[in-house]
């Protein structure tokens, strides 16, 4: 199963709910879940922030759902 779909369903959300949060169409979002389209970095960042996780988790680079600590850039 696609991690985007998995995390969306874990949060009892529909594709149209996420599309609204991301300000895109439901059809556009469905392409991300079906892996028909590469997800832009800006969308990945928004999804990671929305779900309080990391982009690596969304992309199966880790199974650690907890987000990384924020860095402080001076």
PDB file of N, CA and C in Angstrom:
ATOM      1  N   UNK A   1       0.836  -1.179   0.000  1.00  0.00           N
ATOM      2  CA  UNK A   1       0.000   0.000   0.000  1.00  0.00           C
ATOM      3  C   UNK A   1       0.882   1.244   0.000  1.00  0.00           C
ATOM      4  N   UNK A   2       0.439   2.245  -0.657  1.00  0.00           N
ATOM      5  CA  UNK A   2       1.128   3.517  -0.731  1.00  0.00           C
ATOM      6  C   UNK A   2       1.071   4.207   0.629  1.00  0.00           C
ATOM      7  N   UNK A   3       2.186   4.743   1.080  1.00  0.00           N
ATOM      8  CA  UNK A   3       2.231   5.366   2.407  1.00  0.00           C
ATOM      9  C   UNK A   3       1.313   6.586   2.482  1.00  0.00           C
ATOM     10  N   UNK A   4       1.176   7.340   1.417  1.00  0.00           N
ATOM     11  CA  UNK A   4       0.260   8.479   1.449  1.00  0.00           C
ATOM     12  C   UNK A   4      -1.169   8.026   1.705  1.00  0.00           C
ATOM     13  N   UNK A   5      -1.553   6.961   1.053  1.00  0.00           N
ATOM     14  CA  UNK A   5      -2.902   6.429   1.263  1.00  0.00           C
ATOM     15  C   UNK A   5      -3.035   5.878   2.677  1.00  0.00           C
ATOM     16  N   UNK A   6      -2.026   5.174   3.115  1.00  0.00           N
ATOM     17  CA  UNK A   6      -2.032   4.570   4.450  1.00  0.00           C
ATOM     18  C   UNK A   6      -2.183   5.634   5.539  1.00  0.00           C
ATOM     19  N   UNK A   7      -1.383   6.670   5.484  1.00  0.00           N
ATOM     20  CA  UNK A   7      -1.428   7.703   6.512  1.00  0.00           C
ATOM     21  C   UNK A   7      -2.725   8.513   6.418  1.00  0.00           C
ATOM     22  N   UNK A   8      -3.220   8.720   5.210  1.00  0.00           N
ATOM     23  CA  UNK A   8      -4.495   9.423   5.031  1.00  0.00           C
ATOM     24  C   UNK A   8      -5.625   8.631   5.666  1.00  0.00           C
ATOM     25  N   UNK A   9      -5.670   7.333   5.380  1.00  0.00           N
ATOM     26  CA  UNK A   9      -6.726   6.489   5.942  1.00  0.00           C
ATOM     27  C   UNK A   9      -6.585   6.339   7.456  1.00  0.00           C
ATOM     28  N   UNK A  10      -5.353   6.308   7.967  1.00  0.00           N
ATOM     29  CA  UNK A  10      -5.135   6.263   9.416  1.00  0.00           C
ATOM     30  C   UNK A  10      -5.724   7.485  10.107  1.00  0.00           C
ATOM     31  N   UNK A  11      -5.792   8.590   9.381  1.00  0.00           N
ATOM     32  CA  UNK A  11      -6.336   9.832   9.923  1.00  0.00           C
ATOM     33  C   UNK A  11      -7.789  10.064   9.523  1.00  0.00           C
ATOM     34  N   UNK A  12      -8.423   9.018   8.971  1.00  0.00           N
ATOM     35  CA  UNK A  12      -9.839   9.078   8.563  1.00  0.00           C
ATOM     36  C   UNK A  12     -10.137  10.261   7.648  1.00  0.00           C
ATOM     37  N   UNK A  13      -9.265  10.442   6.658  1.00  0.00           N
ATOM     38  CA  UNK A  13      -9.436  11.521   5.691  1.00  0.00           C
ATOM     39  C   UNK A  13      -9.728  10.958   4.310  1.00  0.00           C
ATOM     40  N   UNK A  14     -10.388  11.750   3.509  1.00  0.00           N
ATOM     41  CA  UNK A  14     -10.623  11.414   2.106  1.00  0.00           C
ATOM     42  C   UNK A  14      -9.613  12.167   1.251  1.00  0.00           C
ATOM     43  N   UNK A  15      -9.442  11.710   0.028  1.00  0.00           N
ATOM     44  CA  UNK A  15      -8.538  12.409  -0.883  1.00  0.00           C
ATOM     45  C   UNK A  15      -8.949  13.866  -1.038  1.00  0.00           C
ATOM     46  N   UNK A  16     -10.241  14.125  -1.105  1.00  0.00           N
ATOM     47  CA  UNK A  16     -10.693  15.510  -1.290  1.00  0.00           C
ATOM     48  C   UNK A  16     -10.333  16.375  -0.089  1.00  0.00           C
ATOM     49  N   UNK A  17     -10.256  15.779   1.112  1.00  0.00           N
ATOM     50  CA  UNK A  17      -9.855  16.534   2.299  1.00  0.00           C
ATOM     51  C   UNK A  17      -8.411  17.003   2.169  1.00  0.00           C
ATOM     52  N   UNK A  18      -7.530  16.098   1.753  1.00  0.00           N
ATOM     53  CA  UNK A  18      -6.121  16.451   1.588  1.00  0.00           C
ATOM     54  C   UNK A  18      -5.936  17.410   0.432  1.00  0.00           C
ATOM     55  N   UNK A  19      -6.668  17.212  -0.633  1.00  0.00           N
ATOM     56  CA  UNK A  19      -6.575  18.119  -1.781  1.00  0.00           C
ATOM     57  C   UNK A  19      -6.928  19.544  -1.363  1.00  0.00           C
ATOM     58  N   UNK A  20      -7.934  19.679  -0.521  1.00  0.00           N
ATOM     59  CA  UNK A  20      -8.332  21.006  -0.045  1.00  0.00           C
ATOM     60  C   UNK A  20      -7.226  21.627   0.804  1.00  0.00           C
ATOM     61  N   UNK A  21      -6.634  20.844   1.696  1.00  0.00           N
ATOM     62  CA  UNK A  21      -5.529  21.331   2.537  1.00  0.00           C
ATOM     63  C   UNK A  21      -4.365  21.796   1.666  1.00  0.00           C
ATOM     64  N   UNK A  22      -4.078  21.041   0.600  1.00  0.00           N
ATOM     65  CA  UNK A  22      -2.942  21.335  -0.267  1.00  0.00           C
ATOM     66  C   UNK A  22      -3.267  22.337  -1.371  1.00  0.00           C
ATOM     67  N   UNK A  23      -4.543  22.716  -1.457  1.00  0.00           N
ATOM     68  CA  UNK A  23      -4.998  23.646  -2.489  1.00  0.00           C
ATOM     69  C   UNK A  23      -4.742  23.113  -3.901  1.00  0.00           C
ATOM     70  N   UNK A  24      -5.064  21.828  -4.082  1.00  0.00           N
ATOM     71  CA  UNK A  24      -4.978  21.176  -5.389  1.00  0.00           C
ATOM     72  C   UNK A  24      -6.277  20.418  -5.619  1.00  0.00           C
ATOM     73  N   UNK A  25      -6.440  19.874  -6.811  1.00  0.00           N
ATOM     74  CA  UNK A  25      -7.653  19.106  -7.097  1.00  0.00           C
ATOM     75  C   UNK A  25      -7.557  17.703  -6.493  1.00  0.00           C
ATOM     76  N   UNK A  26      -8.701  17.095  -6.264  1.00  0.00           N
ATOM     77  CA  UNK A  26      -8.731  15.726  -5.760  1.00  0.00           C
ATOM     78  C   UNK A  26      -8.066  14.807  -6.764  1.00  0.00           C
ATOM     79  N   UNK A  27      -8.301  15.060  -8.033  1.00  0.00           N
ATOM     80  CA  UNK A  27      -7.694  14.239  -9.080  1.00  0.00           C
ATOM     81  C   UNK A  27      -6.168  14.343  -9.049  1.00  0.00           C
ATOM     82  N   UNK A  28      -5.667  15.559  -8.848  1.00  0.00           N
ATOM     83  CA  UNK A  28      -4.217  15.754  -8.743  1.00  0.00           C
ATOM     84  C   UNK A  28      -3.648  14.989  -7.569  1.00  0.00           C
ATOM     85  N   UNK A  29      -4.348  15.055  -6.435  1.00  0.00           N
ATOM     86  CA  UNK A  29      -3.873  14.325  -5.260  1.00  0.00           C
ATOM     87  C   UNK A  29      -3.898  12.820  -5.514  1.00  0.00           C
ATOM     88  N   UNK A  30      -4.928  12.334  -6.183  1.00  0.00           N
ATOM     89  CA  UNK A  30      -5.029  10.893  -6.432  1.00  0.00           C
ATOM     90  C   UNK A  30      -3.857  10.393  -7.268  1.00  0.00           C
ATOM     91  N   UNK A  31      -3.338  11.241  -8.157  1.00  0.00           N
ATOM     92  CA  UNK A  31      -2.168  10.855  -8.958  1.00  0.00           C
ATOM     93  C   UNK A  31      -0.936  10.633  -8.071  1.00  0.00           C
ATOM     94  N   UNK A  32      -0.828  11.412  -7.003  1.00  0.00           N
ATOM     95  CA  UNK A  32       0.280  11.209  -6.066  1.00  0.00           C
ATOM     96  C   UNK A  32       0.153   9.868  -5.362  1.00  0.00           C
ATOM     97  N   UNK A  33      -1.062   9.547  -4.911  1.00  0.00           N
ATOM     98  CA  UNK A  33      -1.268   8.272  -4.225  1.00  0.00           C
ATOM     99  C   UNK A  33      -1.051   7.083  -5.147  1.00  0.00           C
ATOM    100  N   UNK A  34      -1.446   7.226  -6.396  1.00  0.00           N
ATOM    101  CA  UNK A  34      -1.285   6.122  -7.348  1.00  0.00           C
ATOM    102  C   UNK A  34       0.121   6.069  -7.931  1.00  0.00           C
ATOM    103  N   UNK A  35       0.941   7.052  -7.541  1.00  0.00           N
ATOM    104  CA  UNK A  35       2.327   7.156  -8.006  1.00  0.00           C
ATOM    105  C   UNK A  35       2.417   7.336  -9.519  1.00  0.00           C
ATOM    106  N   UNK A  36       1.410   8.019 -10.075  1.00  0.00           N
ATOM    107  CA  UNK A  36       1.415   8.350 -11.503  1.00  0.00           C
ATOM    108  C   UNK A  36       2.219   9.622 -11.765  1.00  0.00           C
ATOM    109  N   UNK A  37       2.361  10.433 -10.725  1.00  0.00           N
ATOM    110  CA  UNK A  37       3.013  11.736 -10.841  1.00  0.00           C
ATOM    111  C   UNK A  37       4.000  11.904  -9.699  1.00  0.00           C
ATOM    112  N   UNK A  38       5.170  12.464  -9.986  1.00  0.00           N
ATOM    113  CA  UNK A  38       6.114  12.795  -8.914  1.00  0.00           C
ATOM    114  C   UNK A  38       5.532  13.922  -8.075  1.00  0.00           C
ATOM    115  N   UNK A  39       5.725  13.821  -6.776  1.00  0.00           N
ATOM    116  CA  UNK A  39       5.189  14.820  -5.863  1.00  0.00           C
ATOM    117  C   UNK A  39       6.199  15.958  -5.734  1.00  0.00           C
ATOM    118  N   UNK A  40       5.761  17.192  -6.003  1.00  0.00           N
ATOM    119  CA  UNK A  40       6.666  18.327  -5.842  1.00  0.00           C
ATOM    120  C   UNK A  40       7.134  18.453  -4.384  1.00  0.00           C
ATOM    121  N   UNK A  41       8.329  18.961  -4.205  1.00  0.00           N
ATOM    122  CA  UNK A  41       8.890  19.111  -2.862  1.00  0.00           C
ATOM    123  C   UNK A  41       7.982  19.963  -1.982  1.00  0.00           C
ATOM    124  N   UNK A  42       7.399  21.000  -2.538  1.00  0.00           N
ATOM    125  CA  UNK A  42       6.523  21.872  -1.738  1.00  0.00           C
ATOM    126  C   UNK A  42       5.322  21.092  -1.194  1.00  0.00           C
ATOM    127  N   UNK A  43       4.790  20.184  -1.978  1.00  0.00           N
ATOM    128  CA  UNK A  43       3.662  19.353  -1.532  1.00  0.00           C
ATOM    129  C   UNK A  43       4.136  18.373  -0.467  1.00  0.00           C
ATOM    130  N   UNK A  44       5.297  17.764  -0.671  1.00  0.00           N
ATOM    131  CA  UNK A  44       5.844  16.847   0.332  1.00  0.00           C
ATOM    132  C   UNK A  44       6.063  17.551   1.670  1.00  0.00           C
ATOM    133  N   UNK A  45       6.597  18.764   1.616  1.00  0.00           N
ATOM    134  CA  UNK A  45       6.809  19.531   2.842  1.00  0.00           C
ATOM    135  C   UNK A  45       5.484  19.809   3.542  1.00  0.00           C
ATOM    136  N   UNK A  46       4.482  20.199   2.771  1.00  0.00           N
ATOM    137  CA  UNK A  46       3.169  20.478   3.357  1.00  0.00           C
ATOM    138  C   UNK A  46       2.555  19.220   3.968  1.00  0.00           C
ATOM    139  N   UNK A  47       2.691  18.091   3.285  1.00  0.00           N
ATOM    140  CA  UNK A  47       2.152  16.835   3.813  1.00  0.00           C
ATOM    141  C   UNK A  47       2.877  16.416   5.092  1.00  0.00           C
ATOM    142  N   UNK A  48       4.190  16.524   5.090  1.00  0.00           N
ATOM    143  CA  UNK A  48       4.965  16.161   6.277  1.00  0.00           C
ATOM    144  C   UNK A  48       4.588  17.052   7.457  1.00  0.00           C
ATOM    145  N   UNK A  49       4.432  18.336   7.220  1.00  0.00           N
ATOM    146  CA  UNK A  49       4.011  19.249   8.288  1.00  0.00           C
ATOM    147  C   UNK A  49       2.598  18.930   8.758  1.00  0.00           C
ATOM    148  N   UNK A  50       1.709  18.671   7.832  1.00  0.00           N
ATOM    149  CA  UNK A  50       0.309  18.377   8.172  1.00  0.00           C
ATOM    150  C   UNK A  50       0.209  17.121   9.043  1.00  0.00           C
ATOM    151  N   UNK A  51       0.959  16.097   8.679  1.00  0.00           N
ATOM    152  CA  UNK A  51       0.908  14.826   9.407  1.00  0.00           C
ATOM    153  C   UNK A  51       1.912  14.762  10.569  1.00  0.00           C
ATOM    154  N   UNK A  52       2.693  15.830  10.766  1.00  0.00           N
ATOM    155  CA  UNK A  52       3.707  15.855  11.837  1.00  0.00           C
ATOM    156  C   UNK A  52       4.653  14.666  11.713  1.00  0.00           C
ATOM    157  N   UNK A  53       5.213  14.535  10.522  1.00  0.00           N
ATOM    158  CA  UNK A  53       6.159  13.458  10.231  1.00  0.00           C
ATOM    159  C   UNK A  53       7.271  14.012   9.343  1.00  0.00           C
ATOM    160  N   UNK A  54       8.081  13.140   8.798  1.00  0.00           N
ATOM    161  CA  UNK A  54       9.163  13.582   7.908  1.00  0.00           C
ATOM    162  C   UNK A  54       8.848  13.196   6.465  1.00  0.00           C
ATOM    163  N   UNK A  55       9.497  13.874   5.556  1.00  0.00           N
ATOM    164  CA  UNK A  55       9.368  13.524   4.143  1.00  0.00           C
ATOM    165  C   UNK A  55       9.919  12.115   3.934  1.00  0.00           C
ATOM    166  N   UNK A  56      10.991  11.768   4.629  1.00  0.00           N
ATOM    167  CA  UNK A  56      11.557  10.419   4.515  1.00  0.00           C
ATOM    168  C   UNK A  56      10.530   9.352   4.864  1.00  0.00           C
ATOM    169  N   UNK A  57       9.728   9.609   5.881  1.00  0.00           N
ATOM    170  CA  UNK A  57       8.684   8.641   6.245  1.00  0.00           C
ATOM    171  C   UNK A  57       7.665   8.506   5.113  1.00  0.00           C
ATOM    172  N   UNK A  58       7.250   9.617   4.548  1.00  0.00           N
ATOM    173  CA  UNK A  58       6.268   9.586   3.463  1.00  0.00           C
ATOM    174  C   UNK A  58       6.792   8.841   2.243  1.00  0.00           C
ATOM    175  N   UNK A  59       8.120   8.888   2.037  1.00  0.00           N
ATOM    176  CA  UNK A  59       8.731   8.264   0.861  1.00  0.00           C
ATOM    177  C   UNK A  59       9.353   6.902   1.153  1.00  0.00           C
ATOM    178  N   UNK A  60       9.008   6.304   2.298  1.00  0.00           N
ATOM    179  CA  UNK A  60       9.515   4.981   2.684  1.00  0.00           C
ATOM    180  C   UNK A  60      11.029   4.928   2.841  1.00  0.00           C
ATOM    181  N   UNK A  61      11.642   6.056   3.184  1.00  0.00           N
ATOM    182  CA  UNK A  61      13.081   6.042   3.434  1.00  0.00           C
ATOM    183  C   UNK A  61      13.375   5.653   4.876  1.00  0.00           C
ATOM    184  N   UNK A  62      12.328   5.715   5.711  1.00  0.00           N
ATOM    185  CA  UNK A  62      12.423   5.304   7.108  1.00  0.00           C
ATOM    186  C   UNK A  62      11.050   4.833   7.568  1.00  0.00           C
ATOM    187  N   UNK A  63      11.046   4.031   8.591  1.00  0.00           N
ATOM    188  CA  UNK A  63       9.783   3.623   9.200  1.00  0.00           C
ATOM    189  C   UNK A  63       9.510   4.405  10.479  1.00  0.00           C
ATOM    190  N   UNK A  64      10.399   5.335  10.796  1.00  0.00           N
ATOM    191  CA  UNK A  64      10.253   6.198  11.968  1.00  0.00           C
ATOM    192  C   UNK A  64       9.283   7.320  11.622  1.00  0.00           C
ATOM    193  N   UNK A  65       8.112   7.296  12.252  1.00  0.00           N
ATOM    194  CA  UNK A  65       7.073   8.272  11.914  1.00  0.00           C
ATOM    195  C   UNK A  65       7.325   9.641  12.551  1.00  0.00           C
ATOM    196  N   UNK A  66       8.057   9.653  13.647  1.00  0.00           N
ATOM    197  CA  UNK A  66       8.337  10.889  14.362  1.00  0.00           C
ATOM    198  C   UNK A  66       9.176  11.823  13.480  1.00  0.00           C
ATOM    199  N   UNK A  67       8.801  13.118  13.425  1.00  0.00           N
ATOM    200  CA  UNK A  67       9.589  14.043  12.590  1.00  0.00           C
ATOM    201  C   UNK A  67      10.965  14.295  13.186  1.00  0.00           C
ATOM    202  N   UNK A  68      11.868  14.731  12.332  1.00  0.00           N
ATOM    203  CA  UNK A  68      13.203  15.107  12.784  1.00  0.00           C
ATOM    204  C   UNK A  68      13.106  16.401  13.586  1.00  0.00           C
ATOM    205  N   UNK A  69      14.047  16.619  14.494  1.00  0.00           N
ATOM    206  CA  UNK A  69      14.059  17.897  15.213  1.00  0.00           C
ATOM    207  C   UNK A  69      14.316  19.039  14.226  1.00  0.00           C
ATOM    208  N   UNK A  70      13.697  20.166  14.483  1.00  0.00           N
ATOM    209  CA  UNK A  70      13.901  21.344  13.632  1.00  0.00           C
ATOM    210  C   UNK A  70      15.308  21.887  13.857  1.00  0.00           C
ATOM    211  N   UNK A  71      15.939  22.321  12.782  1.00  0.00           N
ATOM    212  CA  UNK A  71      17.265  22.918  12.911  1.00  0.00           C
ATOM    213  C   UNK A  71      17.096  24.425  13.045  1.00  0.00           C
ATOM    214  N   UNK A  72      18.030  25.011  13.725  1.00  0.00           N
ATOM    215  CA  UNK A  72      18.017  26.455  13.891  1.00  0.00           C
ATOM    216  C   UNK A  72      19.134  27.028  13.013  1.00  0.00           C
ATOM    217  N   UNK A  73      18.735  27.767  12.007  1.00  0.00           N
ATOM    218  CA  UNK A  73      19.695  28.366  11.081  1.00  0.00           C
ATOM    219  C   UNK A  73      19.954  29.789  11.533  1.00  0.00           C
ATOM    220  N   UNK A  74      21.236  30.108  11.708  1.00  0.00           N
ATOM    221  CA  UNK A  74      21.603  31.454  12.159  1.00  0.00           C
ATOM    222  C   UNK A  74      22.187  32.265  11.025  1.00  0.00           C
TER     223      UNK A  74
END
